[in-house]
């Protein structure tokens, strides 16, 4: 039945977007963390990727969370000579996480998640209306 395929495809989108939100929340949580010792590297931002694959049981393409890559951009340096994690020059390395970018990504993930929820809700309403018509 195509309704079940539709719901399964939307469910794969929900799962992928929830994984994306998990990675983004990890980035936000570590945005201001510092390394344990001077000279060590702080948390490195993670970037989620998506894969599409053919689900043979559904005979349709579904999405899944793929590899989570590390962002290779430079760390933020802040001059704080009295900080315990400061290097010999007085600079402290902070994660390469930009909270504004993370919030934008979170908003996009939220919109996509809601779109998949709406697909499931619309499909359920169509199934219910079909059943109501058959009962009459």
Protein backbone atom coordinates (compact mmCIF):
# COMPACT_ATOMS: atom_id res chain seq x y z
CA UNK A 1 0.00 0.00 0.00
CA UNK A 2 1.46 3.37 -1.02
CA UNK A 3 0.33 5.08 2.19
CA UNK A 4 2.64 2.85 4.20
CA UNK A 5 5.53 3.63 1.83
CA UNK A 6 4.87 7.32 2.27
CA UNK A 7 4.90 7.02 6.04
CA UNK A 8 8.08 4.91 6.02
CA UNK A 9 9.88 7.42 3.80
CA UNK A 10 8.80 10.31 6.05
CA UNK A 11 9.87 8.31 9.11
CA UNK A 12 13.36 7.93 7.63
CA UNK A 13 13.45 11.72 7.24
CA UNK A 14 12.42 12.13 10.87
CA UNK A 15 15.17 9.82 12.04
CA UNK A 16 17.81 11.56 9.90
CA UNK A 17 16.79 15.03 11.07
CA UNK A 18 16.73 13.98 14.71
CA UNK A 19 20.29 12.69 14.29
CA UNK A 20 21.24 16.00 12.71
CA UNK A 21 19.75 17.87 15.66
CA UNK A 22 21.73 15.65 18.05
CA UNK A 23 25.01 16.61 16.33
CA UNK A 24 24.06 20.30 16.30
CA UNK A 25 23.17 20.22 20.00
CA UNK A 26 26.55 18.63 20.71
CA UNK A 27 28.23 21.50 18.84
CA UNK A 28 26.25 24.12 20.75
CA UNK A 29 26.91 22.46 24.10
CA UNK A 30 30.66 22.56 23.47
CA UNK A 31 30.81 26.05 21.91
CA UNK A 32 32.62 27.62 24.85
CA UNK A 33 34.57 24.67 26.21
CA UNK A 34 38.33 24.95 26.51
CA UNK A 35 41.06 22.30 26.39
CA UNK A 36 42.16 20.64 29.62
CA UNK A 37 45.77 21.70 29.27
CA UNK A 38 47.73 24.46 27.53
CA UNK A 39 48.56 23.60 23.94
CA UNK A 40 45.85 20.94 23.65
CA UNK A 41 43.09 21.24 21.08
CA UNK A 42 39.52 22.02 22.16
CA UNK A 43 36.34 20.43 20.85
CA UNK A 44 36.17 20.38 17.05
CA UNK A 45 32.83 21.17 15.36
CA UNK A 46 31.08 18.19 13.78
CA UNK A 47 29.21 18.29 10.49
CA UNK A 48 26.45 15.72 9.82
CA UNK A 49 26.00 14.30 6.32
CA UNK A 50 23.09 12.45 4.78
CA UNK A 51 22.95 9.33 2.63
CA UNK A 52 20.17 8.23 0.34
CA UNK A 53 19.72 4.55 -0.22
CA UNK A 54 17.27 2.31 -1.98
CA UNK A 55 15.06 0.44 0.45
CA UNK A 56 14.15 -2.70 -1.51
CA UNK A 57 11.23 -3.58 0.76
CA UNK A 58 9.67 -0.17 0.05
CA UNK A 59 11.01 0.09 -3.49
CA UNK A 60 11.82 3.70 -2.72
CA UNK A 61 14.77 5.87 -1.79
CA UNK A 62 15.07 6.75 1.90
CA UNK A 63 17.43 9.07 3.73
CA UNK A 64 19.68 8.28 6.65
CA UNK A 65 22.28 10.09 8.68
CA UNK A 66 25.66 9.42 7.13
CA UNK A 67 29.15 9.98 8.37
CA UNK A 68 29.68 12.77 10.89
CA UNK A 69 32.75 14.68 9.72
CA UNK A 70 34.97 17.02 11.68
CA UNK A 71 35.10 20.65 10.58
CA UNK A 72 38.70 21.39 9.60
CA UNK A 73 38.46 25.16 10.09
CA UNK A 74 40.80 26.91 12.53
CA UNK A 75 40.05 27.24 16.21
CA UNK A 76 39.19 30.63 17.66
CA UNK A 77 42.04 32.22 19.59
CA UNK A 78 41.37 34.58 22.46
CA UNK A 79 44.01 36.45 24.40
CA UNK A 80 43.56 35.54 28.07
CA UNK A 81 47.00 35.39 29.72
CA UNK A 82 45.68 34.42 33.16
CA UNK A 83 43.59 31.48 31.95
CA UNK A 84 44.84 28.00 33.00
CA UNK A 85 44.55 26.77 29.38
CA UNK A 86 46.52 29.67 27.89
CA UNK A 87 49.64 28.87 25.89
CA UNK A 88 53.02 30.62 26.27
CA UNK A 89 51.73 33.62 24.29
CA UNK A 90 48.64 33.96 26.49
CA UNK A 91 46.19 32.70 23.86
CA UNK A 92 43.45 30.22 24.64
CA UNK A 93 42.05 28.00 21.87
CA UNK A 94 38.28 27.86 21.69
CA UNK A 95 36.22 25.46 19.55
CA UNK A 96 35.53 26.37 15.92
CA UNK A 97 31.80 26.49 16.68
CA UNK A 98 29.80 29.56 15.66
CA UNK A 99 26.56 29.60 17.65
CA UNK A 100 24.76 31.63 14.98
CA UNK A 101 25.57 29.04 12.30
CA UNK A 102 24.51 26.23 14.61
CA UNK A 103 21.19 27.92 15.38
CA UNK A 104 20.56 28.42 11.66
CA UNK A 105 21.28 24.74 11.01
CA UNK A 106 19.02 23.81 13.94
CA UNK A 107 16.19 25.89 12.51
CA UNK A 108 16.60 24.21 9.12
CA UNK A 109 16.59 20.76 10.73
CA UNK A 110 13.50 21.72 12.72
CA UNK A 111 11.66 22.82 9.57
CA UNK A 112 12.55 19.63 7.77
CA UNK A 113 11.46 17.58 10.78
CA UNK A 114 8.12 19.41 10.87
CA UNK A 115 7.64 18.87 7.13
CA UNK A 116 8.07 15.12 7.62
CA UNK A 117 5.61 15.20 10.53
CA UNK A 118 3.12 16.98 8.29
CA UNK A 119 3.53 14.29 5.63
CA UNK A 120 2.72 11.61 8.20
CA UNK A 121 -0.25 13.57 9.57
CA UNK A 122 -1.67 14.18 6.08
CA UNK A 123 -1.25 10.53 5.19
CA UNK A 124 -3.04 9.45 8.38
CA UNK A 125 -5.92 11.83 7.60
CA UNK A 126 -6.19 10.42 4.08
CA UNK A 127 -6.28 6.86 5.43
CA UNK A 128 -8.93 7.81 7.99
CA UNK A 129 -11.09 9.53 5.37
CA UNK A 130 -10.79 6.50 3.10
CA UNK A 131 -11.92 4.23 5.93
CA UNK A 132 -14.83 6.58 6.69
CA UNK A 133 -15.94 6.46 3.05
CA UNK A 134 -15.74 2.67 3.00
CA UNK A 135 -17.87 2.43 6.18
CA UNK A 136 -20.64 4.58 4.69
